Amino acid sequence: QVQLVESGGGLVQAGGSLRLSCASSGRTFTNYAMGWFRQTPGKEREFVAAISWSNFNTVYADSVKGRFTISRDNAKNMVYLQMNSLKPEDTAVYYCAARPFNMATRSGDYGSWGQGTQVTVSS
């Protein structure tokens, strides 16, 4: 497994922006597809975005299309989630995840997870 650590969460007003970062350890980072998920109390972990190991392809949940952008810097072993036009319903704990090679949108397909970072959007 790959060790992942998220950062960048915080409290913002509706319409504001945040950039989440995920630092990865290991020498095989470039062979892993990366994903972002979010979770609120009492609900299943929800897919947000994913990016291929080659950085050629991305996938987004309908709820964040046009507002969020996932990116990665393989030289720095980092993956990012730029969040713009934030809404109160975006409030959640956001998790970074990794799996070998192929992208996926189900949380059960990812084997490595970070500890999560809290994002709170006020109305």
C-alpha atoms as a PDB file:
ATOM      1  CA  GLN A   1       0.000   0.000   0.000  1.00  0.00           C
ATOM      2  CA  VAL A   2       0.884   3.653  -0.508  1.00  0.00           C
ATOM      3  CA  GLN A   3       0.884   6.051   2.448  1.00  0.00           C
ATOM      4  CA  LEU A   4      -1.242   9.169   1.830  1.00  0.00           C
ATOM      5  CA  VAL A   5      -1.622  12.387   3.842  1.00  0.00           C
ATOM      6  CA  GLU A   6      -4.206  15.082   2.996  1.00  0.00           C
ATOM      7  CA  SER A   7      -4.014  18.772   3.857  1.00  0.00           C
ATOM      8  CA  GLY A   8      -5.630  22.078   2.895  1.00  0.00           C
ATOM      9  CA  GLY A   9      -9.098  21.736   4.392  1.00  0.00           C
ATOM     10  CA  GLY A  10     -10.746  24.519   6.335  1.00  0.00           C
ATOM     11  CA  LEU A  11     -13.733  26.835   6.712  1.00  0.00           C
ATOM     12  CA  VAL A  12     -14.848  28.966   3.755  1.00  0.00           C
ATOM     13  CA  GLN A  13     -17.923  30.944   2.749  1.00  0.00           C
ATOM     14  CA  ALA A  14     -20.223  29.773  -0.044  1.00  0.00           C
ATOM     15  CA  GLY A  15     -18.754  30.758  -3.402  1.00  0.00           C
ATOM     16  CA  GLY A  16     -15.198  30.569  -2.122  1.00  0.00           C
ATOM     17  CA  SER A  17     -12.322  28.270  -3.069  1.00  0.00           C
ATOM     18  CA  LEU A  18      -9.971  25.761  -1.470  1.00  0.00           C
ATOM     19  CA  ARG A  19      -7.156  23.580  -2.778  1.00  0.00           C
ATOM     20  CA  LEU A  20      -6.634  20.206  -1.140  1.00  0.00           C
ATOM     21  CA  SER A  21      -3.273  18.461  -1.339  1.00  0.00           C
ATOM     22  CA  CYS A  22      -2.352  14.801  -0.925  1.00  0.00           C
ATOM     23  CA  ALA A  23       1.239  13.735  -0.318  1.00  0.00           C
ATOM     24  CA  SER A  24       2.196  10.178  -1.270  1.00  0.00           C
ATOM     25  CA  SER A  25       5.096   7.978  -0.205  1.00  0.00           C
ATOM     26  CA  GLY A  26       6.663   5.126  -2.145  1.00  0.00           C
ATOM     27  CA  ARG A  27       8.648   4.646  -5.336  1.00  0.00           C
ATOM     28  CA  THR A  28       5.704   3.454  -7.485  1.00  0.00           C
ATOM     29  CA  PHE A  29       3.505   6.574  -7.281  1.00  0.00           C
ATOM     30  CA  THR A  30       3.476   7.049 -11.072  1.00  0.00           C
ATOM     31  CA  ASN A  31       1.876   3.600 -11.497  1.00  0.00           C
ATOM     32  CA  TYR A  32      -1.166   4.485  -9.337  1.00  0.00           C
ATOM     33  CA  ALA A  33      -4.471   6.038 -10.292  1.00  0.00           C
ATOM     34  CA  MET A  34      -5.582   8.578  -7.674  1.00  0.00           C
ATOM     35  CA  GLY A  35      -9.024   9.526  -6.426  1.00  0.00           C
ATOM     36  CA  TRP A  36     -10.782  11.946  -4.104  1.00  0.00           C
ATOM     37  CA  PHE A  37     -13.818  10.901  -2.045  1.00  0.00           C
ATOM     38  CA  ARG A  38     -15.892  12.670   0.590  1.00  0.00           C
ATOM     39  CA  GLN A  39     -18.074  11.547   3.476  1.00  0.00           C
ATOM     40  CA  THR A  40     -20.605  13.082   5.875  1.00  0.00           C
ATOM     41  CA  PRO A  41     -21.957  11.421   9.054  1.00  0.00           C
ATOM     42  CA  GLY A  42     -24.426   8.628   8.360  1.00  0.00           C
ATOM     43  CA  LYS A  43     -23.690   8.437   4.628  1.00  0.00           C
ATOM     44  CA  GLU A  44     -21.574   6.193   2.418  1.00  0.00           C
ATOM     45  CA  ARG A  45     -18.270   7.523   1.175  1.00  0.00           C
ATOM     46  CA  GLU A  46     -18.977   9.414  -2.079  1.00  0.00           C
ATOM     47  CA  PHE A  47     -16.845   9.574  -5.219  1.00  0.00           C
ATOM     48  CA  VAL A  48     -15.647  13.066  -6.183  1.00  0.00           C
ATOM     49  CA  ALA A  49     -12.907  12.794  -8.828  1.00  0.00           C
ATOM     50  CA  ALA A  50     -10.190  10.491 -10.188  1.00  0.00           C
ATOM     51  CA  ILE A  51      -7.090  10.843 -12.356  1.00  0.00           C
ATOM     52  CA  SER A  52      -5.122   8.196 -14.258  1.00  0.00           C
ATOM     53  CA  TRP A  53      -1.514   7.321 -13.442  1.00  0.00           C
ATOM     54  CA  SER A  54      -0.427   8.780 -16.810  1.00  0.00           C
ATOM     55  CA  ASN A  55      -2.228  12.100 -16.091  1.00  0.00           C
ATOM     56  CA  PHE A  56      -4.061  11.835 -19.433  1.00  0.00           C
ATOM     57  CA  ASN A  57      -7.577  11.100 -18.139  1.00  0.00           C
ATOM     58  CA  THR A  58      -9.873  12.434 -15.418  1.00  0.00           C
ATOM     59  CA  VAL A  59     -13.372  11.547 -14.175  1.00  0.00           C
ATOM     60  CA  TYR A  60     -15.700  13.709 -12.058  1.00  0.00           C
ATOM     61  CA  ALA A  61     -18.918  13.208 -10.161  1.00  0.00           C
ATOM     62  CA  ASP A  62     -21.837  15.115 -11.697  1.00  0.00           C
ATOM     63  CA  SER A  63     -22.214  17.157  -8.521  1.00  0.00           C
ATOM     64  CA  VAL A  64     -18.757  18.758  -8.904  1.00  0.00           C
ATOM     65  CA  LYS A  65     -18.295  18.993 -12.691  1.00  0.00           C
ATOM     66  CA  GLY A  66     -17.286  22.488 -13.747  1.00  0.00           C
ATOM     67  CA  ARG A  67     -16.328  23.456 -10.186  1.00  0.00           C
ATOM     68  CA  PHE A  68     -13.608  20.989  -9.060  1.00  0.00           C
ATOM     69  CA  THR A  69     -10.362  20.045 -10.824  1.00  0.00           C
ATOM     70  CA  ILE A  70      -8.128  17.089  -9.962  1.00  0.00           C
ATOM     71  CA  SER A  71      -4.452  17.195 -10.920  1.00  0.00           C
ATOM     72  CA  ARG A  72      -1.179  15.493 -10.015  1.00  0.00           C
ATOM     73  CA  ASP A  73       2.536  16.211  -9.997  1.00  0.00           C
ATOM     74  CA  ASN A  74       4.325  12.874 -10.216  1.00  0.00           C
ATOM     75  CA  ALA A  75       7.755  14.457  -9.752  1.00  0.00           C
ATOM     76  CA  LYS A  76       6.621  15.667  -6.311  1.00  0.00           C
ATOM     77  CA  ASN A  77       4.437  12.637  -5.469  1.00  0.00           C
ATOM     78  CA  MET A  78       1.462  14.991  -5.020  1.00  0.00           C
ATOM     79  CA  VAL A  79      -2.193  15.029  -6.077  1.00  0.00           C
ATOM     80  CA  TYR A  80      -4.472  18.071  -5.764  1.00  0.00           C
ATOM     81  CA  LEU A  81      -8.151  18.931  -5.736  1.00  0.00           C
ATOM     82  CA  GLN A  82      -8.925  22.540  -6.663  1.00  0.00           C
ATOM     83  CA  MET A  83     -12.429  23.387  -5.424  1.00  0.00           C
ATOM     84  CA  ASN A  84     -14.144  26.533  -6.718  1.00  0.00           C
ATOM     85  CA  SER A  85     -17.658  27.942  -6.285  1.00  0.00           C
ATOM     86  CA  LEU A  86     -18.061  25.949  -3.086  1.00  0.00           C
ATOM     87  CA  LYS A  87     -21.558  25.213  -1.778  1.00  0.00           C
ATOM     88  CA  PRO A  88     -22.737  24.270   1.737  1.00  0.00           C
ATOM     89  CA  GLU A  89     -23.537  20.771   0.429  1.00  0.00           C
ATOM     90  CA  ASP A  90     -19.817  20.312  -0.310  1.00  0.00           C
ATOM     91  CA  THR A  91     -19.193  20.195   3.450  1.00  0.00           C
ATOM     92  CA  ALA A  92     -17.585  16.828   4.270  1.00  0.00           C
ATOM     93  CA  VAL A  93     -14.400  15.050   5.226  1.00  0.00           C
ATOM     94  CA  TYR A  94     -12.373  14.654   2.034  1.00  0.00           C
ATOM     95  CA  TYR A  95     -10.168  11.590   1.512  1.00  0.00           C
ATOM     96  CA  CYS A  96      -7.359  10.893  -0.938  1.00  0.00           C
ATOM     97  CA  ALA A  97      -7.123   7.326  -2.296  1.00  0.00           C
ATOM     98  CA  ALA A  98      -4.825   5.282  -4.549  1.00  0.00           C
ATOM     99  CA  ARG A  99      -5.026   2.063  -6.583  1.00  0.00           C
ATOM    100  CA  PRO A 100      -2.707   0.426  -9.164  1.00  0.00           C
ATOM    101  CA  PHE A 101      -2.977   1.677 -12.753  1.00  0.00           C
ATOM    102  CA  ASN A 102      -6.691   1.931 -13.649  1.00  0.00           C
ATOM    103  CA  MET A 103      -9.119   4.627 -12.499  1.00  0.00           C
ATOM    104  CA  ALA A 104     -12.209   3.652 -10.513  1.00  0.00           C
ATOM    105  CA  THR A 105     -15.242   5.400  -9.004  1.00  0.00           C
ATOM    106  CA  ARG A 106     -16.117   2.937  -6.213  1.00  0.00           C
ATOM    107  CA  SER A 107     -14.444   3.333  -2.840  1.00  0.00           C
ATOM    108  CA  GLY A 108     -14.068  -0.450  -2.520  1.00  0.00           C
ATOM    109  CA  ASP A 109     -11.754  -0.501  -5.539  1.00  0.00           C
ATOM    110  CA  TYR A 110      -9.125   1.592  -3.730  1.00  0.00           C
ATOM    111  CA  GLY A 111      -6.722  -0.025  -1.297  1.00  0.00           C
ATOM    112  CA  SER A 112      -4.809   2.968   0.085  1.00  0.00           C
ATOM    113  CA  TRP A 113      -6.425   5.884   1.943  1.00  0.00           C
ATOM    114  CA  GLY A 114      -5.374   9.048   3.717  1.00  0.00           C
ATOM    115  CA  GLN A 115      -6.685  10.172   7.104  1.00  0.00           C
ATOM    116  CA  GLY A 116      -9.037  12.798   5.657  1.00  0.00           C
ATOM    117  CA  THR A 117      -9.262  16.581   5.880  1.00  0.00           C
ATOM    118  CA  GLN A 118     -12.357  18.543   6.932  1.00  0.00           C
ATOM    119  CA  VAL A 119     -13.960  21.016   4.520  1.00  0.00           C
ATOM    120  CA  THR A 120     -16.747  23.221   5.885  1.00  0.00           C
ATOM    121  CA  VAL A 121     -18.668  25.664   3.675  1.00  0.00           C
ATOM    122  CA  SER A 122     -20.854  28.241   5.417  1.00  0.00           C
ATOM    123  CA  SER A 123     -23.968  29.750   3.847  1.00  0.00           C
END
